[in-house]
Amino acid sequence: MTLTTAPVGPADAPMRDGGTATWSPRITPPIGVDLTERQALACAFRILGHSGFSENIAGHITMLKDGGPDGAMWVNPWGLWWEEISAADLCVVDRDGTVLEGRWDVTPAIHIHTELHRVRPDARVVVHNHPYYVTVLAAIGVLPAIVHQTGCMYDGDLALVHEYTGEVDDAALGADLARRIGDASVVILASHGIIVTAPTIQEATYRSASIDRACRLAYDVMLLGRDPLEIAPGLRHGMKKSLIERGTDVYWAGAVRALLRREPEVLN
């Protein structure tokens, strides 16, 4: 078989706009139910659990709580798999990780989240787990190349933290990790996993659900031994805006509708 290549676009292609500035739908299919904060977060856990983002007992998502004490956040309890979490299972912790509400305990790895929330006002939601193809690249300290248009949603946002310090189980280690992450929104942790930050649970779920496929595509292209076609920076810019601004809510609504058809008890 002969492989042929063709340019995706000139490297100096002009910057193209995208997102709602170029087109916005009049109306999109709704979820069909209004979700509370804790219900939305419970849905996010199951959506990502079913997508292969989670590694059995590992991982956590935190979301700052509206109307609670300053810095209070929702989080999953230690001991439940993401695929089985329901709204009533979620805990509330304060900005130092102390449990304020909930039937069960919370892992000390909560400090990965508390310290990021403390220094990153933009990070209302923090997602952490060990998706398989993310961890393949994390094992060799490599960021995924953007080899497909969906990967453009990570353009300029990817970072790698090289130093592995073991379990982050106290505030000092969490603060050190937050310092090394800086303002990056998608961070691969060498020999560990990934952290995704976002201003909303919808965007956090969409970007988290898409990153392992982006890493798998990059990995498979590496196996081909061929240099990937470059998507011109100007084209990546517009595609990123379109994916985030137009795709986030549509992805979220569809994922929640599908989940509620199968597992309506997630809202309980």
Protein backbone atom coordinates (compact mmCIF):
# COMPACT_ATOMS: atom_id res chain seq x y z
CA MET A 1 0.00 0.00 0.00
CA THR A 2 1.32 3.43 -0.93
CA LEU A 3 0.63 6.28 1.45
CA THR A 4 0.18 9.71 -0.06
CA THR A 5 0.07 13.02 1.69
CA ALA A 6 -1.49 16.33 0.86
CA PRO A 7 -1.29 19.64 2.66
CA VAL A 8 -4.08 20.43 5.09
CA GLY A 9 -3.53 24.10 4.51
CA PRO A 10 -0.63 26.46 4.06
CA ALA A 11 1.37 27.00 7.23
CA ASP A 12 0.87 30.73 6.79
CA ALA A 13 -2.91 30.49 6.32
CA PRO A 14 -4.55 33.65 7.64
CA MET A 15 -6.23 33.58 11.03
CA ARG A 16 -9.82 32.43 10.63
CA ASP A 17 -12.51 33.34 13.08
CA GLY A 18 -14.98 30.76 14.32
CA GLY A 19 -17.50 30.05 17.02
CA THR A 20 -20.67 32.03 17.52
CA ALA A 21 -19.16 35.05 15.76
CA THR A 22 -19.48 33.21 12.44
CA TRP A 23 -22.61 31.15 13.08
CA SER A 24 -24.95 30.43 15.96
CA PRO A 25 -27.92 28.05 15.86
CA ARG A 26 -31.39 29.48 16.42
CA ILE A 27 -32.25 26.66 18.81
CA THR A 28 -30.72 23.34 19.88
CA PRO A 29 -32.32 20.17 21.34
CA PRO A 30 -32.71 20.59 25.12
CA ILE A 31 -31.91 18.06 27.83
CA GLY A 32 -35.58 18.01 28.82
CA VAL A 33 -35.00 18.53 32.53
CA ASP A 34 -33.48 21.30 34.66
CA LEU A 35 -30.48 20.02 36.61
CA THR A 36 -29.28 21.22 39.99
CA GLU A 37 -25.55 21.69 40.52
CA ARG A 38 -25.13 18.35 42.23
CA GLN A 39 -27.23 16.55 39.60
CA ALA A 40 -25.13 18.04 36.80
CA LEU A 41 -21.92 16.96 38.52
CA ALA A 42 -23.29 13.45 39.10
CA CYS A 43 -24.09 13.26 35.37
CA ALA A 44 -20.55 14.39 34.53
CA PHE A 45 -19.07 11.57 36.62
CA ARG A 46 -21.11 8.92 34.85
CA ILE A 47 -20.59 10.37 31.37
CA LEU A 48 -16.83 10.41 31.85
CA GLY A 49 -16.83 7.05 33.60
CA HIS A 50 -18.62 5.43 30.68
CA SER A 51 -16.34 7.17 28.16
CA GLY A 52 -13.23 5.46 29.54
CA PHE A 53 -11.83 8.60 31.12
CA SER A 54 -11.74 7.12 34.64
CA GLU A 55 -9.53 4.36 36.03
CA ASN A 56 -11.70 2.26 38.38
CA ILE A 57 -11.35 3.79 41.88
CA ALA A 58 -9.10 6.68 40.84
CA GLY A 59 -9.86 10.31 40.19
CA HIS A 60 -11.97 13.22 41.34
CA ILE A 61 -13.93 16.17 40.01
CA THR A 62 -14.47 19.29 42.07
CA MET A 63 -16.89 22.10 41.30
CA LEU A 64 -17.16 25.29 43.31
CA LYS A 65 -20.50 25.48 45.09
CA ASP A 66 -22.86 28.38 44.51
CA GLY A 67 -24.22 29.90 47.68
CA GLY A 68 -21.94 28.02 50.05
CA PRO A 69 -19.05 29.13 52.26
CA ASP A 70 -16.26 30.86 50.37
CA GLY A 71 -14.28 28.23 48.49
CA ALA A 72 -16.65 25.35 49.30
CA MET A 73 -16.82 22.72 46.54
CA TRP A 74 -18.66 19.59 45.49
CA VAL A 75 -16.56 16.42 45.14
CA ASN A 76 -17.02 12.66 44.85
CA PRO A 77 -16.58 10.53 47.97
CA TRP A 78 -13.76 8.05 48.34
CA GLY A 79 -14.90 4.53 47.49
CA LEU A 80 -17.50 5.00 44.74
CA TRP A 81 -16.64 4.39 41.10
CA TRP A 82 -17.56 7.22 38.75
CA GLU A 83 -20.07 5.02 36.89
CA GLU A 84 -22.17 4.50 40.03
CA ILE A 85 -22.25 8.02 41.49
CA SER A 86 -25.66 9.63 42.02
CA ALA A 87 -26.44 13.17 43.11
CA ALA A 88 -27.06 12.23 46.75
CA ASP A 89 -23.59 10.64 46.99
CA LEU A 90 -21.66 13.88 46.45
CA CYS A 91 -19.84 15.60 49.30
CA VAL A 92 -19.14 19.24 50.03
CA VAL A 93 -15.70 20.19 51.33
CA ASP A 94 -14.30 23.54 52.38
CA ARG A 95 -11.35 25.22 50.69
CA ASP A 96 -8.97 23.15 52.86
CA GLY A 97 -10.59 19.81 52.00
CA THR A 98 -12.53 19.28 55.25
CA VAL A 99 -15.85 17.49 54.69
CA LEU A 100 -18.85 19.74 55.44
CA GLU A 101 -21.59 17.55 53.94
CA GLY A 102 -21.75 13.94 52.84
CA ARG A 103 -22.08 10.36 54.06
CA TRP A 104 -18.53 9.28 53.27
CA ASP A 105 -14.96 10.48 53.41
CA VAL A 106 -12.92 12.29 50.76
CA THR A 107 -9.43 11.28 49.60
CA PRO A 108 -6.46 13.42 50.76
CA ALA A 109 -5.68 13.82 47.05
CA ILE A 110 -8.41 16.48 47.19
CA HIS A 111 -5.46 18.88 47.65
CA ILE A 112 -4.74 18.55 43.91
CA HIS A 113 -7.98 20.48 43.57
CA THR A 114 -8.17 22.77 46.59
CA GLU A 115 -4.90 24.51 45.78
CA LEU A 116 -5.73 24.96 42.10
CA HIS A 117 -9.08 26.48 43.00
CA ARG A 118 -7.31 28.75 45.49
CA VAL A 119 -5.03 30.34 42.88
CA ARG A 120 -7.09 29.96 39.69
CA PRO A 121 -10.36 31.98 39.73
CA ASP A 122 -11.00 30.77 36.17
CA ALA A 123 -10.99 27.12 37.26
CA ARG A 124 -14.48 26.66 38.68
CA VAL A 125 -14.27 22.97 37.76
CA VAL A 126 -11.19 20.73 38.10
CA VAL A 127 -11.16 17.20 36.66
CA HIS A 128 -8.46 14.63 37.40
CA ASN A 129 -8.06 10.99 36.38
CA HIS A 130 -5.89 8.55 34.41
CA PRO A 131 -7.37 7.88 30.92
CA TYR A 132 -5.43 5.10 29.21
CA TYR A 133 -4.00 6.84 26.15
CA VAL A 134 -3.30 9.98 28.13
CA THR A 135 -1.22 7.87 30.50
CA VAL A 136 0.56 6.17 27.58
CA LEU A 137 1.87 9.57 26.52
CA ALA A 138 2.39 10.61 30.15
CA ALA A 139 4.64 7.58 30.62
CA ILE A 140 7.08 8.96 28.04
CA GLY A 141 6.54 12.64 28.82
CA VAL A 142 5.01 13.56 25.46
CA LEU A 143 2.17 15.94 24.66
CA PRO A 144 -0.24 14.80 21.93
CA ALA A 145 0.23 16.36 18.51
CA ILE A 146 -2.89 18.00 17.11
CA VAL A 147 -3.54 15.59 14.24
CA HIS A 148 -7.30 16.03 13.79
CA GLN A 149 -9.68 18.98 13.82
CA THR A 150 -11.30 18.00 17.14
CA GLY A 151 -7.87 18.25 18.75
CA CYS A 152 -7.89 21.93 17.87
CA MET A 153 -9.94 22.54 21.02
CA TYR A 154 -6.66 22.06 22.94
CA ASP A 155 -4.60 24.41 20.76
CA GLY A 156 -2.37 26.50 23.01
CA ASP A 157 -3.80 24.91 26.18
CA LEU A 158 -1.69 21.77 26.58
CA ALA A 159 1.14 21.59 29.10
CA LEU A 160 3.29 18.85 30.61
CA VAL A 161 4.43 18.66 34.22
CA HIS A 162 7.51 16.43 34.23
CA GLU A 163 8.25 15.98 37.89
CA TYR A 164 6.54 13.00 39.54
CA THR A 165 6.46 13.40 43.31
CA GLY A 166 4.17 10.51 44.20
CA GLU A 167 0.76 10.93 45.81
CA VAL A 168 -0.33 14.52 46.32
CA ASP A 169 -1.85 14.10 49.78
CA ASP A 170 -1.37 17.41 51.56
CA ALA A 171 -1.82 21.12 50.91
CA ALA A 172 1.90 21.84 50.46
CA LEU A 173 2.23 19.26 47.67
CA GLY A 174 -0.99 20.51 46.12
CA ALA A 175 0.28 24.10 46.17
CA ASP A 176 3.54 23.02 44.52
CA LEU A 177 1.64 21.23 41.78
CA ALA A 178 -0.63 24.25 41.25
CA ARG A 179 2.46 26.44 40.89
CA ARG A 180 3.91 24.15 38.20
CA ILE A 181 0.59 23.97 36.36
CA GLY A 182 0.34 27.76 36.20
CA ASP A 183 -2.46 28.97 33.94
CA ALA A 184 -2.61 25.88 31.69
CA SER A 185 -6.09 24.37 31.33
CA VAL A 186 -5.15 20.86 30.15
CA VAL A 187 -2.11 19.41 31.89
CA ILE A 188 -0.61 15.95 31.43
CA LEU A 189 1.21 14.81 34.56
CA ALA A 190 4.21 12.63 33.69
CA SER A 191 3.83 9.03 34.93
CA HIS A 192 0.45 9.94 36.38
CA GLY A 193 -2.57 11.28 34.47
CA ILE A 194 -4.29 14.52 33.49
CA ILE A 195 -5.89 17.63 34.97
CA VAL A 196 -8.52 19.57 33.03
CA THR A 197 -9.81 22.91 34.30
CA ALA A 198 -12.78 24.85 32.98
CA PRO A 199 -15.25 27.58 33.97
CA THR A 200 -18.29 25.27 33.68
CA ILE A 201 -19.15 21.62 34.19
CA GLN A 202 -20.35 21.46 30.57
CA GLU A 203 -17.01 22.57 29.14
CA ALA A 204 -15.01 20.50 31.62
CA THR A 205 -16.93 17.36 30.63
CA TYR A 206 -16.66 17.98 26.88
CA ARG A 207 -12.93 18.64 26.97
CA SER A 208 -12.26 15.73 29.32
CA ALA A 209 -14.35 13.32 27.25
CA SER A 210 -12.42 14.27 24.10
CA ILE A 211 -8.82 14.28 25.32
CA ASP A 212 -8.18 10.52 25.47
CA ARG A 213 -9.28 10.09 21.85
CA ALA A 214 -6.98 12.95 20.87
CA CYS A 215 -4.12 11.16 22.64
CA ARG A 216 -5.00 7.84 21.02
CA LEU A 217 -5.00 9.42 17.56
CA ALA A 218 -1.63 11.03 18.25
CA TYR A 219 -0.26 7.72 19.54
CA ASP A 220 -1.50 5.75 16.52
CA VAL A 221 -0.01 8.32 14.15
CA MET A 222 3.31 7.93 15.98
CA LEU A 223 3.10 4.16 15.35
CA LEU A 224 2.78 4.82 11.61
CA GLY A 225 6.24 6.38 11.68
CA ARG A 226 5.10 9.26 9.50
CA ASP A 227 5.09 12.95 10.28
CA PRO A 228 1.50 14.13 10.77
CA LEU A 229 0.04 16.73 8.46
CA GLU A 230 0.16 20.14 10.07
CA ILE A 231 -3.07 21.99 10.67
CA ALA A 232 -2.13 25.61 10.15
CA PRO A 233 -2.22 27.75 13.33
CA GLY A 234 -4.70 30.16 11.76
CA LEU A 235 -7.09 27.30 11.05
CA ARG A 236 -6.69 25.81 14.53
CA HIS A 237 -7.72 29.13 16.07
CA GLY A 238 -11.11 29.25 14.37
CA MET A 239 -11.82 25.55 14.84
CA LYS A 240 -11.07 25.81 18.56
CA LYS A 241 -13.60 28.62 18.96
CA SER A 242 -16.24 26.69 17.03
CA LEU A 243 -15.75 23.53 19.07
CA ILE A 244 -15.81 25.28 22.45
CA GLU A 245 -18.44 27.95 21.78
CA ARG A 246 -20.83 25.93 19.62
CA GLY A 247 -20.02 22.36 20.59
CA THR A 248 -19.92 22.44 24.39
CA ASP A 249 -23.62 22.78 25.16
CA VAL A 250 -24.67 20.49 22.31
CA TYR A 251 -22.27 17.78 23.48
CA TRP A 252 -23.44 18.16 27.07
CA ALA A 253 -27.13 18.02 26.26
CA GLY A 254 -26.73 14.92 24.09
CA ALA A 255 -24.55 13.13 26.62
CA VAL A 256 -26.98 13.87 29.46
CA ARG A 257 -30.03 12.82 27.41
CA ALA A 258 -28.37 9.50 26.57
CA LEU A 259 -27.38 8.98 30.21
CA LEU A 260 -30.88 9.74 31.55
CA ARG A 261 -32.46 7.27 29.14
CA ARG A 262 -30.22 4.52 30.51
CA GLU A 263 -29.71 5.55 34.12
CA PRO A 264 -32.35 8.03 35.33
CA GLU A 265 -31.45 7.21 38.94
CA VAL A 266 -28.30 9.34 38.59
CA LEU A 267 -30.44 12.38 39.52
CA ASN A 268 -31.54 10.87 42.86
